């Protein structure tokens, strides 16, 4: 998985389809550059990036690879929420109480 900074100018005419929004306002998008959705990369907008950090990050991978790498810790935290990097992760259906 390759990751690279992306400027808003790079994405100005891109077709972005959001699929995740964090509590902090970060958004993950599919970058719809090809006809085949299996080849779409993931782009994340970090609403609160640190000084000198990119706000837009492109991950040259699909959704499943991005999600697996983010949740397993093999990918640096893609979101501005520091707690996201805490392991282990678990899935809880929205109807389940905490």
N, C-alpha and C. Protein backbone atom coordinates (compact mmCIF):
# COMPACT_ATOMS: atom_id res chain seq x y z
N UNK A 1 0.85 -1.17 0.00
CA UNK A 1 0.00 0.00 0.00
C UNK A 1 0.89 1.23 0.00
N UNK A 2 0.68 2.09 -0.94
CA UNK A 2 1.44 3.32 -1.04
C UNK A 2 0.57 4.46 -0.54
N UNK A 3 1.16 5.37 0.23
CA UNK A 3 0.39 6.54 0.59
C UNK A 3 1.14 7.78 0.20
N UNK A 4 0.37 8.76 -0.22
CA UNK A 4 0.96 10.00 -0.72
C UNK A 4 0.06 11.15 -0.35
N UNK A 5 0.66 12.32 -0.16
CA UNK A 5 -0.14 13.51 0.07
C UNK A 5 -0.86 13.89 -1.21
N UNK A 6 -1.99 14.47 -1.05
CA UNK A 6 -2.77 14.93 -2.19
C UNK A 6 -3.25 16.33 -1.88
N UNK A 7 -3.09 17.23 -2.80
CA UNK A 7 -3.55 18.60 -2.58
C UNK A 7 -4.97 18.74 -3.09
N UNK A 8 -5.71 19.71 -2.56
CA UNK A 8 -7.06 19.93 -3.08
C UNK A 8 -7.06 20.17 -4.59
N UNK A 9 -5.99 20.79 -5.11
CA UNK A 9 -5.90 21.00 -6.55
C UNK A 9 -5.83 19.70 -7.32
N UNK A 10 -5.14 18.70 -6.76
CA UNK A 10 -5.08 17.37 -7.39
C UNK A 10 -6.45 16.73 -7.46
N UNK A 11 -7.28 17.04 -6.48
CA UNK A 11 -8.58 16.39 -6.36
C UNK A 11 -9.73 17.25 -6.85
N UNK A 12 -9.40 18.43 -7.38
CA UNK A 12 -10.43 19.40 -7.76
C UNK A 12 -11.47 18.83 -8.71
N UNK A 13 -11.04 18.07 -9.68
CA UNK A 13 -11.96 17.51 -10.67
C UNK A 13 -12.20 16.03 -10.46
N UNK A 14 -11.71 15.52 -9.34
CA UNK A 14 -11.87 14.09 -9.06
C UNK A 14 -13.30 13.80 -8.60
N UNK A 15 -13.71 12.59 -8.84
CA UNK A 15 -15.01 12.13 -8.35
C UNK A 15 -14.76 11.39 -7.05
N UNK A 16 -15.23 11.96 -5.96
CA UNK A 16 -15.04 11.39 -4.64
C UNK A 16 -16.37 10.89 -4.09
N UNK A 17 -16.38 9.66 -3.59
CA UNK A 17 -17.58 9.07 -3.03
C UNK A 17 -17.29 8.75 -1.56
N UNK A 18 -17.91 9.49 -0.62
CA UNK A 18 -17.61 9.26 0.80
C UNK A 18 -18.18 7.93 1.29
N UNK A 19 -17.41 7.26 2.19
CA UNK A 19 -17.91 6.02 2.78
C UNK A 19 -17.69 5.95 4.28
N UNK A 20 -16.89 6.85 4.84
CA UNK A 20 -16.66 6.88 6.29
C UNK A 20 -16.54 8.33 6.74
N UNK A 21 -17.15 8.61 7.87
CA UNK A 21 -16.98 9.92 8.51
C UNK A 21 -16.72 9.68 9.98
N UNK A 22 -15.67 10.30 10.50
CA UNK A 22 -15.33 10.11 11.91
C UNK A 22 -16.05 11.16 12.76
N UNK A 23 -16.03 10.95 14.06
CA UNK A 23 -16.64 11.90 14.99
C UNK A 23 -15.92 13.25 14.95
N UNK A 24 -14.67 13.25 14.49
CA UNK A 24 -13.89 14.49 14.43
C UNK A 24 -14.03 15.22 13.10
N UNK A 25 -14.84 14.70 12.20
CA UNK A 25 -15.05 15.36 10.91
C UNK A 25 -14.13 14.90 9.81
N UNK A 26 -13.33 13.87 10.05
CA UNK A 26 -12.51 13.30 8.99
C UNK A 26 -13.44 12.50 8.06
N UNK A 27 -13.07 12.44 6.79
CA UNK A 27 -13.90 11.72 5.83
C UNK A 27 -13.00 10.86 4.94
N UNK A 28 -13.39 9.61 4.75
CA UNK A 28 -12.69 8.72 3.81
C UNK A 28 -13.57 8.58 2.57
N UNK A 29 -12.93 8.67 1.42
CA UNK A 29 -13.62 8.63 0.14
C UNK A 29 -13.02 7.55 -0.75
N UNK A 30 -13.83 7.03 -1.66
CA UNK A 30 -13.31 6.29 -2.79
C UNK A 30 -12.99 7.32 -3.86
N UNK A 31 -11.85 7.18 -4.49
CA UNK A 31 -11.45 8.04 -5.60
C UNK A 31 -11.86 7.32 -6.88
N UNK A 32 -12.96 7.77 -7.46
CA UNK A 32 -13.60 7.09 -8.59
C UNK A 32 -12.97 7.52 -9.91
N UNK A 33 -11.75 7.05 -10.16
CA UNK A 33 -11.05 7.43 -11.38
C UNK A 33 -11.23 6.43 -12.51
N UNK A 34 -11.63 5.22 -12.18
CA UNK A 34 -11.73 4.17 -13.19
C UNK A 34 -13.16 3.65 -13.26
N UNK A 35 -13.46 2.93 -14.31
CA UNK A 35 -14.78 2.33 -14.48
C UNK A 35 -14.97 1.19 -13.47
N UNK A 36 -13.90 0.45 -13.20
CA UNK A 36 -13.96 -0.70 -12.31
C UNK A 36 -13.81 -0.25 -10.85
N UNK A 37 -14.84 -0.37 -10.02
CA UNK A 37 -14.74 0.06 -8.62
C UNK A 37 -13.67 -0.68 -7.83
N UNK A 38 -13.31 -1.90 -8.25
CA UNK A 38 -12.26 -2.63 -7.55
C UNK A 38 -10.89 -1.96 -7.66
N UNK A 39 -10.74 -1.02 -8.57
CA UNK A 39 -9.45 -0.34 -8.73
C UNK A 39 -9.44 1.06 -8.12
N UNK A 40 -10.52 1.43 -7.44
CA UNK A 40 -10.58 2.76 -6.83
C UNK A 40 -9.67 2.84 -5.61
N UNK A 41 -8.86 3.89 -5.52
CA UNK A 41 -8.04 4.16 -4.36
C UNK A 41 -8.89 4.80 -3.27
N UNK A 42 -8.32 4.91 -2.08
CA UNK A 42 -8.97 5.56 -0.95
C UNK A 42 -8.26 6.88 -0.68
N UNK A 43 -9.04 7.93 -0.45
CA UNK A 43 -8.50 9.25 -0.11
C UNK A 43 -9.15 9.66 1.21
N UNK A 44 -8.33 10.14 2.15
CA UNK A 44 -8.84 10.57 3.46
C UNK A 44 -8.58 12.07 3.62
N UNK A 45 -9.62 12.77 4.04
CA UNK A 45 -9.46 14.18 4.43
C UNK A 45 -9.41 14.23 5.94
N UNK A 46 -8.27 14.72 6.45
CA UNK A 46 -8.09 14.88 7.90
C UNK A 46 -8.41 16.31 8.27
N UNK A 47 -9.51 16.51 8.97
CA UNK A 47 -9.96 17.85 9.32
C UNK A 47 -8.98 18.54 10.26
N UNK A 48 -8.37 17.79 11.15
CA UNK A 48 -7.43 18.38 12.10
C UNK A 48 -6.05 17.75 11.93
N UNK A 49 -5.34 18.15 10.91
CA UNK A 49 -3.99 17.62 10.72
C UNK A 49 -3.01 18.51 11.47
N UNK A 50 -1.93 17.90 11.91
CA UNK A 50 -0.91 18.64 12.65
C UNK A 50 -0.10 19.55 11.73
N UNK A 51 0.67 20.43 12.35
CA UNK A 51 1.51 21.35 11.58
C UNK A 51 2.46 20.56 10.69
N UNK A 52 2.47 20.88 9.41
CA UNK A 52 3.34 20.22 8.46
C UNK A 52 2.79 18.91 7.93
N UNK A 53 1.66 18.47 8.42
CA UNK A 53 1.05 17.24 7.93
C UNK A 53 0.05 17.57 6.83
N UNK A 54 -0.13 16.62 5.93
CA UNK A 54 -1.08 16.79 4.84
C UNK A 54 -2.51 16.63 5.36
N UNK A 55 -3.43 17.43 4.85
CA UNK A 55 -4.84 17.26 5.18
C UNK A 55 -5.48 16.17 4.34
N UNK A 56 -5.04 16.05 3.09
CA UNK A 56 -5.55 15.04 2.17
C UNK A 56 -4.48 13.97 2.00
N UNK A 57 -4.85 12.71 2.21
CA UNK A 57 -3.91 11.60 2.05
C UNK A 57 -4.54 10.58 1.10
N UNK A 58 -3.76 10.15 0.14
CA UNK A 58 -4.24 9.14 -0.82
C UNK A 58 -3.57 7.81 -0.51
N UNK A 59 -4.36 6.77 -0.43
CA UNK A 59 -3.87 5.41 -0.20
C UNK A 59 -4.11 4.64 -1.49
N UNK A 60 -3.05 4.20 -2.10
CA UNK A 60 -3.17 3.50 -3.37
C UNK A 60 -3.51 2.05 -3.10
N UNK A 61 -4.74 1.88 -2.65
CA UNK A 61 -5.28 0.55 -2.36
C UNK A 61 -6.80 0.66 -2.35
N UNK A 62 -7.44 -0.47 -2.36
CA UNK A 62 -8.89 -0.50 -2.28
C UNK A 62 -9.37 -0.45 -0.84
N UNK A 63 -10.69 -0.48 -0.69
CA UNK A 63 -11.31 -0.35 0.62
C UNK A 63 -10.87 -1.45 1.59
N UNK A 64 -10.94 -2.71 1.16
CA UNK A 64 -10.64 -3.82 2.07
C UNK A 64 -9.19 -3.76 2.56
N UNK A 65 -8.26 -3.51 1.66
CA UNK A 65 -6.85 -3.42 2.05
C UNK A 65 -6.62 -2.23 2.98
N UNK A 66 -7.25 -1.10 2.68
CA UNK A 66 -7.14 0.10 3.53
C UNK A 66 -7.68 -0.21 4.93
N UNK A 67 -8.87 -0.79 5.00
CA UNK A 67 -9.49 -1.07 6.29
C UNK A 67 -8.67 -2.06 7.11
N UNK A 68 -8.21 -3.13 6.48
CA UNK A 68 -7.40 -4.12 7.18
C UNK A 68 -6.10 -3.51 7.71
N UNK A 69 -5.42 -2.72 6.88
CA UNK A 69 -4.17 -2.09 7.31
C UNK A 69 -4.40 -1.08 8.43
N UNK A 70 -5.49 -0.32 8.33
CA UNK A 70 -5.79 0.69 9.36
C UNK A 70 -6.13 0.02 10.69
N UNK A 71 -6.94 -1.04 10.65
CA UNK A 71 -7.37 -1.68 11.89
C UNK A 71 -6.30 -2.58 12.50
N UNK A 72 -5.40 -3.11 11.68
CA UNK A 72 -4.34 -3.99 12.21
C UNK A 72 -3.14 -3.20 12.72
N UNK A 73 -3.08 -1.92 12.39
CA UNK A 73 -1.96 -1.10 12.84
C UNK A 73 -0.78 -1.09 11.89
N UNK A 74 -0.88 -1.75 10.72
CA UNK A 74 0.23 -1.74 9.77
C UNK A 74 0.26 -0.44 8.97
N UNK A 75 -0.80 0.33 9.06
CA UNK A 75 -0.89 1.63 8.40
C UNK A 75 -0.91 2.68 9.49
N UNK A 76 -0.09 3.74 9.36
CA UNK A 76 -0.19 4.81 10.36
C UNK A 76 -1.62 5.33 10.42
N UNK A 77 -2.03 5.77 11.59
CA UNK A 77 -3.40 6.24 11.80
C UNK A 77 -3.81 7.22 10.69
N UNK A 78 -4.81 6.86 9.89
CA UNK A 78 -5.21 7.72 8.78
C UNK A 78 -6.11 8.87 9.19
N UNK A 79 -6.57 8.87 10.44
CA UNK A 79 -7.51 9.88 10.89
C UNK A 79 -6.88 10.79 11.94
N UNK A 80 -7.49 11.93 12.19
CA UNK A 80 -6.93 12.86 13.17
C UNK A 80 -7.27 12.46 14.61
N UNK A 81 -8.15 11.51 14.79
CA UNK A 81 -8.49 11.02 16.12
C UNK A 81 -7.39 10.09 16.60
N UNK A 82 -6.69 10.48 17.65
CA UNK A 82 -5.59 9.67 18.16
C UNK A 82 -6.02 8.32 18.70
N UNK A 83 -7.26 8.21 19.19
CA UNK A 83 -7.75 6.97 19.76
C UNK A 83 -7.97 5.87 18.73
N UNK A 84 -8.04 6.24 17.47
CA UNK A 84 -8.27 5.23 16.43
C UNK A 84 -7.11 4.24 16.37
N UNK A 85 -5.93 4.68 16.71
CA UNK A 85 -4.75 3.82 16.61
C UNK A 85 -4.65 2.83 17.76
N UNK A 86 -5.47 3.00 18.80
CA UNK A 86 -5.43 2.08 19.94
C UNK A 86 -5.92 0.69 19.52
N UNK A 87 -5.17 -0.33 19.87
CA UNK A 87 -5.53 -1.70 19.55
C UNK A 87 -6.00 -2.40 20.81
N UNK A 88 -6.79 -3.42 20.79
CA UNK A 88 -7.40 -4.02 19.62
C UNK A 88 -8.71 -3.33 19.26
N UNK A 89 -9.15 -3.53 18.04
CA UNK A 89 -10.41 -3.01 17.57
C UNK A 89 -11.45 -4.12 17.63
N UNK A 90 -12.69 -3.73 17.73
CA UNK A 90 -13.76 -4.71 17.68
C UNK A 90 -14.95 -4.08 16.97
N UNK A 91 -15.81 -4.94 16.47
CA UNK A 91 -17.01 -4.47 15.79
C UNK A 91 -18.19 -4.60 16.73
N UNK A 92 -18.99 -3.55 16.81
CA UNK A 92 -20.22 -3.59 17.59
C UNK A 92 -21.33 -3.04 16.74
N UNK A 93 -22.38 -3.82 16.56
CA UNK A 93 -23.52 -3.37 15.77
C UNK A 93 -24.14 -2.16 16.45
N UNK A 94 -24.65 -1.25 15.66
CA UNK A 94 -25.18 -0.01 16.21
C UNK A 94 -26.35 -0.22 17.16
N UNK A 95 -27.00 -1.37 17.06
CA UNK A 95 -28.13 -1.65 17.96
C UNK A 95 -27.68 -2.22 19.31
N UNK A 96 -26.42 -2.64 19.39
CA UNK A 96 -25.91 -3.17 20.65
C UNK A 96 -25.57 -2.02 21.59
N UNK A 97 -25.91 -2.20 22.83
CA UNK A 97 -25.57 -1.17 23.83
C UNK A 97 -24.11 -1.33 24.24
N UNK A 98 -23.48 -0.21 24.62
CA UNK A 98 -22.07 -0.29 25.05
C UNK A 98 -21.89 -1.09 26.32
